[in-house]
Amino acid sequence: MKAKLGIAPIAWWNDDLAELSGDISLEGCLSEAREAGFTGMETGRRFPLDPAVLKPILDAHGMAVCGGWFSGLLLDGDIEREKDRIAPQMALFKAVSAPCIVYGETAGTIQGDRSAPLATRRKLSEDEIKAYGRKLTAFAEWCAGEGMPISYHHHMAAPIESEQDVDLLMKHSGEALPLLYDAGHMAFAGGDVLRMIDNHHARISHVHTKDVRQSVLDGLDWSRDSFLDAVVKGAFTVPGDGSLDFEAIVKKLASYGYEGWFVVEAEQDPIANPPLEMAKVGHKELLRVMAAAGYVVERPGR
């Protein structure tokens, strides 16, 4: 089985919290990611949207775009409007041969609102998820037909957060809707990270290897602390520096034949957790668990 290792720029700069952003350039970020051993990076706010500008930068560092966030509004919105909204990112991602667009629902989300406690996130009934699942399926079918699939990101402080939420969304959506599996977000939400794979492996098309610091999670007050408060307190980290057993997680994915990108996505304070140093820790741990699971990892060309 083959795997590729990518990383998200959120370790270097945070799109929601300026205080957790270094002043490193895109070129510097790509250079450090490559030095750590990664071959791909997800997009962020410092990426140019013109492929004619972006592709030479990527090529100069031997890096690929391995996905990237799209702030979806389909829960409360219209499919045709969503097609218009995603079209520019779709064009860019097709031009740079990205594997997918990471679709995160932001209608009613509190993930970017530091004043909103975790306990106040929007919760959907099964009937609401059923209607949402129908729209998502139709939208995902259109995206795939246009040549750029989406991968649905369950996310803390969003309408689809918990293991039960994901179970219901998968139940009430068609196979055309792929799932992004994020170990850290599922652990934060209190879900079973291995059972998630058992239940939904057939839909998993993209993987975020986000780790958590369980001691930080245990100390959160969900009636007072927001998602961003948790980030500032250090809830997330890279594999090899946190509490999750990534060898078990990766072996579980391997047992179902998952091949593709494993992306480190760990938003942290870049002063307390230097991005290059943490990227090296994450890459080293992923190489270890990939070997244990029988993956052949694509290595950077020289």
Protein backbone atom coordinates (compact mmCIF):
# COMPACT_ATOMS: atom_id res chain seq x y z
CA MET A 1 0.00 0.00 0.00
CA LYS A 2 1.12 3.51 -0.79
CA ALA A 3 0.87 6.67 1.28
CA LYS A 4 1.85 10.30 0.95
CA LEU A 5 2.65 12.56 3.90
CA GLY A 6 1.43 16.13 3.90
CA ILE A 7 1.10 18.94 6.40
CA ALA A 8 -1.13 21.99 6.85
CA PRO A 9 0.22 25.54 7.13
CA ILE A 10 -1.80 26.04 10.31
CA ALA A 11 1.30 25.09 12.29
CA TRP A 12 3.02 28.19 10.87
CA TRP A 13 0.07 30.57 10.67
CA ASN A 14 -3.49 30.28 11.95
CA ASP A 15 -6.29 31.56 9.72
CA ASP A 16 -8.58 32.15 12.72
CA LEU A 17 -6.18 33.48 15.36
CA ALA A 18 -3.63 36.07 14.29
CA GLU A 19 -1.86 35.69 17.63
CA LEU A 20 -0.94 32.13 16.66
CA SER A 21 0.62 33.13 13.38
CA GLY A 22 4.28 33.61 12.66
CA ASP A 23 5.41 36.10 10.02
CA ILE A 24 6.98 33.39 7.86
CA SER A 25 6.32 33.60 4.12
CA LEU A 26 4.67 30.92 2.05
CA GLU A 27 8.06 30.09 0.57
CA GLY A 28 9.57 29.76 4.03
CA CYS A 29 6.70 27.57 5.16
CA LEU A 30 7.06 25.26 2.15
CA SER A 31 10.82 25.10 2.63
CA GLU A 32 10.51 24.04 6.27
CA ALA A 33 7.82 21.48 5.47
CA ARG A 34 10.05 19.98 2.79
CA GLU A 35 13.02 19.99 5.17
CA ALA A 36 10.92 18.01 7.64
CA GLY A 37 10.27 15.43 4.93
CA PHE A 38 6.76 16.20 3.71
CA THR A 39 5.82 16.15 0.03
CA GLY A 40 2.54 18.06 0.19
CA MET A 41 0.84 20.95 1.93
CA GLU A 42 -2.78 21.98 2.27
CA THR A 43 -3.62 25.53 1.30
CA GLY A 44 -4.07 28.52 3.57
CA ARG A 45 -4.56 32.26 3.37
CA ARG A 46 -1.03 33.01 2.19
CA PHE A 47 -1.39 30.86 -0.92
CA PRO A 48 -1.91 32.80 -4.18
CA LEU A 49 -5.14 31.91 -5.94
CA ASP A 50 -3.65 32.15 -9.42
CA PRO A 51 -2.22 28.77 -10.50
CA ALA A 52 0.25 30.53 -12.79
CA VAL A 53 1.72 32.14 -9.67
CA LEU A 54 1.34 29.19 -7.30
CA LYS A 55 2.66 26.37 -9.47
CA PRO A 56 6.20 27.74 -9.88
CA ILE A 57 6.42 28.28 -6.11
CA LEU A 58 5.33 24.70 -5.45
CA ASP A 59 7.69 23.34 -8.10
CA ALA A 60 10.62 25.26 -6.65
CA HIS A 61 10.14 23.46 -3.36
CA GLY A 62 9.15 20.08 -4.78
CA MET A 63 5.78 20.27 -3.04
CA ALA A 64 2.21 19.43 -4.05
CA VAL A 65 -1.12 20.79 -2.88
CA CYS A 66 -2.62 17.92 -0.87
CA GLY A 67 -5.99 19.50 -0.17
CA GLY A 68 -7.34 22.64 1.40
CA TRP A 69 -10.25 24.00 3.41
CA PHE A 70 -13.43 25.40 1.90
CA SER A 71 -15.88 27.18 4.22
CA GLY A 72 -19.15 25.58 3.20
CA LEU A 73 -22.57 27.14 3.73
CA LEU A 74 -24.75 24.40 2.29
CA LEU A 75 -26.55 23.59 5.55
CA ASP A 76 -28.60 26.77 5.29
CA GLY A 77 -27.87 27.56 1.68
CA ASP A 78 -28.65 26.70 -1.89
CA ILE A 79 -26.76 24.15 -3.99
CA GLU A 80 -26.49 26.45 -7.01
CA ARG A 81 -25.07 29.21 -4.84
CA GLU A 82 -22.59 26.78 -3.34
CA LYS A 83 -21.45 25.78 -6.82
CA ASP A 84 -20.68 29.43 -7.56
CA ARG A 85 -18.86 29.86 -4.26
CA ILE A 86 -16.60 26.84 -4.69
CA ALA A 87 -15.85 27.38 -8.39
CA PRO A 88 -12.69 29.54 -7.97
CA GLN A 89 -11.11 27.09 -5.53
CA MET A 90 -12.13 24.20 -7.73
CA ALA A 91 -10.42 25.77 -10.73
CA LEU A 92 -7.23 26.34 -8.75
CA PHE A 93 -7.19 22.84 -7.30
CA LYS A 94 -7.73 21.25 -10.69
CA ALA A 95 -4.90 23.29 -12.14
CA VAL A 96 -2.46 22.14 -9.44
CA SER A 97 -3.75 18.52 -9.40
CA ALA A 98 -4.93 18.55 -5.78
CA PRO A 99 -6.64 15.34 -4.61
CA CYS A 100 -9.71 16.99 -3.08
CA ILE A 101 -11.26 20.08 -1.51
CA VAL A 102 -11.77 19.79 2.24
CA TYR A 103 -15.40 20.75 2.81
CA GLY A 104 -16.06 22.18 6.27
CA GLU A 105 -19.54 23.36 7.15
CA THR A 106 -19.48 26.87 8.58
CA ALA A 107 -23.20 27.70 8.62
CA GLY A 108 -23.93 28.21 12.30
CA THR A 109 -20.47 27.12 13.38
CA ILE A 110 -18.77 28.59 16.44
CA GLN A 111 -15.31 27.26 15.64
CA GLY A 112 -14.01 30.74 14.89
CA ASP A 113 -15.87 32.56 17.69
CA ARG A 114 -13.77 32.85 20.82
CA SER A 115 -16.74 34.19 22.81
CA ALA A 116 -18.86 31.07 22.17
CA PRO A 117 -18.37 28.16 24.63
CA LEU A 118 -18.02 24.65 23.23
CA ALA A 119 -21.35 23.63 24.77
CA THR A 120 -23.23 26.20 22.66
CA ARG A 121 -22.42 24.72 19.26
CA ARG A 122 -25.30 24.17 16.85
CA LYS A 123 -26.82 20.69 17.12
CA LEU A 124 -28.94 19.12 14.40
CA SER A 125 -31.85 16.72 14.70
CA GLU A 126 -31.84 13.54 12.64
CA ASP A 127 -34.43 15.05 10.32
CA GLU A 128 -32.20 18.09 9.79
CA ILE A 129 -29.20 15.85 9.11
CA LYS A 130 -31.30 13.83 6.67
CA ALA A 131 -32.15 16.95 4.66
CA TYR A 132 -28.56 18.15 4.87
CA GLY A 133 -27.26 14.77 3.74
CA ARG A 134 -29.43 14.89 0.63
CA LYS A 135 -28.06 18.30 -0.33
CA LEU A 136 -24.48 17.27 0.37
CA THR A 137 -24.84 14.15 -1.73
CA ALA A 138 -26.13 16.11 -4.71
CA PHE A 139 -23.38 18.70 -4.27
CA ALA A 140 -20.67 16.05 -3.93
CA GLU A 141 -21.90 14.32 -7.09
CA TRP A 142 -21.63 17.61 -8.96
CA CYS A 143 -18.13 18.33 -7.62
CA ALA A 144 -16.90 14.87 -8.62
CA GLY A 145 -18.46 15.31 -12.04
CA GLU A 146 -16.54 18.58 -12.42
CA GLY A 147 -13.29 16.74 -11.72
CA MET A 148 -12.63 17.88 -8.16
CA PRO A 149 -14.14 15.78 -5.35
CA ILE A 150 -14.81 17.14 -1.88
CA SER A 151 -14.02 15.36 1.37
CA TYR A 152 -16.34 16.20 4.27
CA HIS A 153 -14.55 17.37 7.44
CA HIS A 154 -16.31 16.64 10.74
CA HIS A 155 -15.09 19.40 13.07
CA MET A 156 -15.25 20.54 16.66
CA ALA A 157 -17.72 23.37 17.31
CA ALA A 158 -19.45 22.70 13.97
CA PRO A 159 -22.88 21.20 13.28
CA ILE A 160 -21.32 17.80 12.46
CA GLU A 161 -19.00 17.29 15.42
CA SER A 162 -19.66 14.07 17.36
CA GLU A 163 -19.38 10.43 16.39
CA GLN A 164 -23.18 10.24 16.41
CA ASP A 165 -23.38 13.25 14.09
CA VAL A 166 -21.02 11.56 11.63
CA ASP A 167 -22.91 8.28 11.88
CA LEU A 168 -26.16 10.02 11.02
CA LEU A 169 -24.63 12.04 8.20
CA MET A 170 -23.17 8.91 6.64
CA LYS A 171 -26.50 7.11 7.10
CA HIS A 172 -28.44 9.88 5.39
CA SER A 173 -26.03 10.68 2.55
CA GLY A 174 -25.01 8.71 -0.50
CA GLU A 175 -21.71 7.05 -1.27
CA ALA A 176 -20.87 10.01 -3.49
CA LEU A 177 -20.07 12.01 -0.34
CA PRO A 178 -16.55 11.13 0.82
CA LEU A 179 -15.45 11.56 4.43
CA LEU A 180 -12.34 13.20 5.82
CA TYR A 181 -11.24 11.29 8.92
CA ASP A 182 -9.68 13.55 11.55
CA ALA A 183 -8.42 11.61 14.57
CA GLY A 184 -7.88 14.70 16.72
CA HIS A 185 -11.29 16.24 16.18
CA MET A 186 -13.01 12.93 16.82
CA ALA A 187 -11.02 12.36 20.02
CA PHE A 188 -11.81 15.92 21.19
CA ALA A 189 -15.51 15.27 20.54
CA GLY A 190 -15.36 12.17 22.75
CA GLY A 191 -15.74 9.68 19.92
CA ASP A 192 -14.03 6.33 19.43
CA VAL A 193 -11.31 6.98 16.86
CA LEU A 194 -10.99 3.32 15.85
CA ARG A 195 -14.71 2.59 15.71
CA MET A 196 -15.10 5.56 13.36
CA ILE A 197 -12.80 3.84 10.90
CA ASP A 198 -14.58 0.49 11.31
CA ASN A 199 -17.95 2.10 10.65
CA HIS A 200 -17.04 4.44 7.80
CA HIS A 201 -13.85 3.18 6.15
CA ALA A 202 -15.59 2.82 2.80
CA ARG A 203 -16.24 6.57 2.70
CA ILE A 204 -12.85 7.81 3.99
CA SER A 205 -10.96 9.58 1.20
CA HIS A 206 -8.60 11.86 3.14
CA VAL A 207 -6.95 11.67 6.57
CA HIS A 208 -5.85 14.35 9.02
CA THR A 209 -3.37 13.01 11.56
CA LYS A 210 -4.10 15.56 14.27
CA ASP A 211 -3.07 14.53 17.78
CA VAL A 212 -4.46 15.81 21.10
CA ARG A 213 -3.11 16.50 24.54
CA GLN A 214 -5.63 14.65 26.69
CA SER A 215 -4.65 16.54 29.83
CA VAL A 216 -5.64 19.80 28.14
CA LEU A 217 -8.94 18.36 26.95
CA ASP A 218 -9.69 17.03 30.43
CA GLY A 219 -9.14 20.49 31.89
CA LEU A 220 -11.57 22.32 29.59
CA ASP A 221 -14.83 23.77 30.85
CA TRP A 222 -17.24 23.31 27.96
CA SER A 223 -19.62 25.85 29.49
CA ARG A 224 -16.94 28.54 29.40
CA ASP A 225 -14.12 27.58 27.02
CA SER A 226 -14.45 28.07 23.27
CA PHE A 227 -12.84 25.98 20.57
CA LEU A 228 -10.25 28.70 20.04
CA ASP A 229 -9.58 28.81 23.79
CA ALA A 230 -8.81 25.10 23.59
CA VAL A 231 -6.41 25.72 20.71
CA VAL A 232 -4.60 28.45 22.63
CA LYS A 233 -4.33 26.16 25.66
CA GLY A 234 -2.61 23.53 23.51
CA ALA A 235 -5.36 20.99 22.85
CA PHE A 236 -3.76 19.91 19.56
CA THR A 237 -0.32 18.74 18.57
CA VAL A 238 1.47 16.53 16.05
CA PRO A 239 1.64 12.72 16.13
CA GLY A 240 4.33 11.60 18.52
CA ASP A 241 3.76 14.52 20.89
CA GLY A 242 0.22 13.78 22.05
CA SER A 243 -2.04 11.16 23.55
CA LEU A 244 -3.39 9.22 20.55
CA ASP A 245 -2.05 5.84 19.44
CA PHE A 246 -1.35 6.55 15.79
CA GLU A 247 0.14 3.13 15.21
CA ALA A 248 -3.25 1.62 16.03
CA ILE A 249 -5.05 4.25 13.95
CA VAL A 250 -2.86 3.80 10.88
CA LYS A 251 -2.94 0.00 11.15
CA LYS A 252 -6.74 0.18 11.28
CA LEU A 253 -6.82 2.31 8.12
CA ALA A 254 -4.36 -0.07 6.45
CA SER A 255 -6.55 -3.05 7.33
CA TYR A 256 -9.25 -1.57 5.11
CA GLY A 257 -6.86 -0.71 2.29
CA TYR A 258 -6.79 3.07 2.66
CA GLU A 259 -4.24 4.66 0.34
CA GLY A 260 -3.63 8.34 -0.12
CA TRP A 261 -2.68 11.37 1.91
CA PHE A 262 -2.02 11.46 5.64
CA VAL A 263 -1.91 15.16 6.57
CA VAL A 264 -0.52 16.57 9.80
CA GLU A 265 -2.79 19.40 10.89
CA ALA A 266 -1.89 20.76 14.31
CA GLU A 267 -2.70 24.35 15.16
CA GLN A 268 -0.41 25.53 17.95
CA ASP A 269 1.43 28.56 19.25
CA PRO A 270 4.46 28.75 16.91
CA ILE A 271 6.53 30.37 19.66
CA ALA A 272 5.94 27.64 22.22
CA ASN A 273 5.95 24.94 19.55
CA PRO A 274 8.38 25.86 16.73
CA PRO A 275 6.75 24.65 13.50
CA LEU A 276 9.83 23.11 11.90
CA GLU A 277 10.72 21.22 15.06
CA MET A 278 7.14 19.97 15.49
CA ALA A 279 6.89 19.05 11.81
CA LYS A 280 9.99 16.88 12.19
CA VAL A 281 8.50 15.17 15.26
CA GLY A 282 5.26 14.46 13.38
CA HIS A 283 7.01 13.21 10.27
CA LYS A 284 9.29 10.90 12.24
CA GLU A 285 6.35 9.37 14.10
CA LEU A 286 4.34 8.93 10.92
CA LEU A 287 7.24 7.17 9.20
CA ARG A 288 7.46 4.81 12.17
CA VAL A 289 3.77 3.92 12.22
CA MET A 290 3.54 3.73 8.42
CA ALA A 291 6.32 1.15 8.39
CA ALA A 292 4.58 -0.79 11.14
CA ALA A 293 1.34 -0.78 9.12
CA GLY A 294 3.01 -1.87 5.90
CA TYR A 295 2.79 1.37 3.93
CA VAL A 296 5.32 2.47 1.36
CA VAL A 297 5.69 6.21 1.82
CA GLU A 298 6.44 8.52 -1.07
CA ARG A 299 9.72 10.26 -0.27
CA PRO A 300 10.79 13.71 -1.44
CA GLY A 301 12.79 13.62 -4.65
CA ARG A 302 16.35 14.82 -4.55
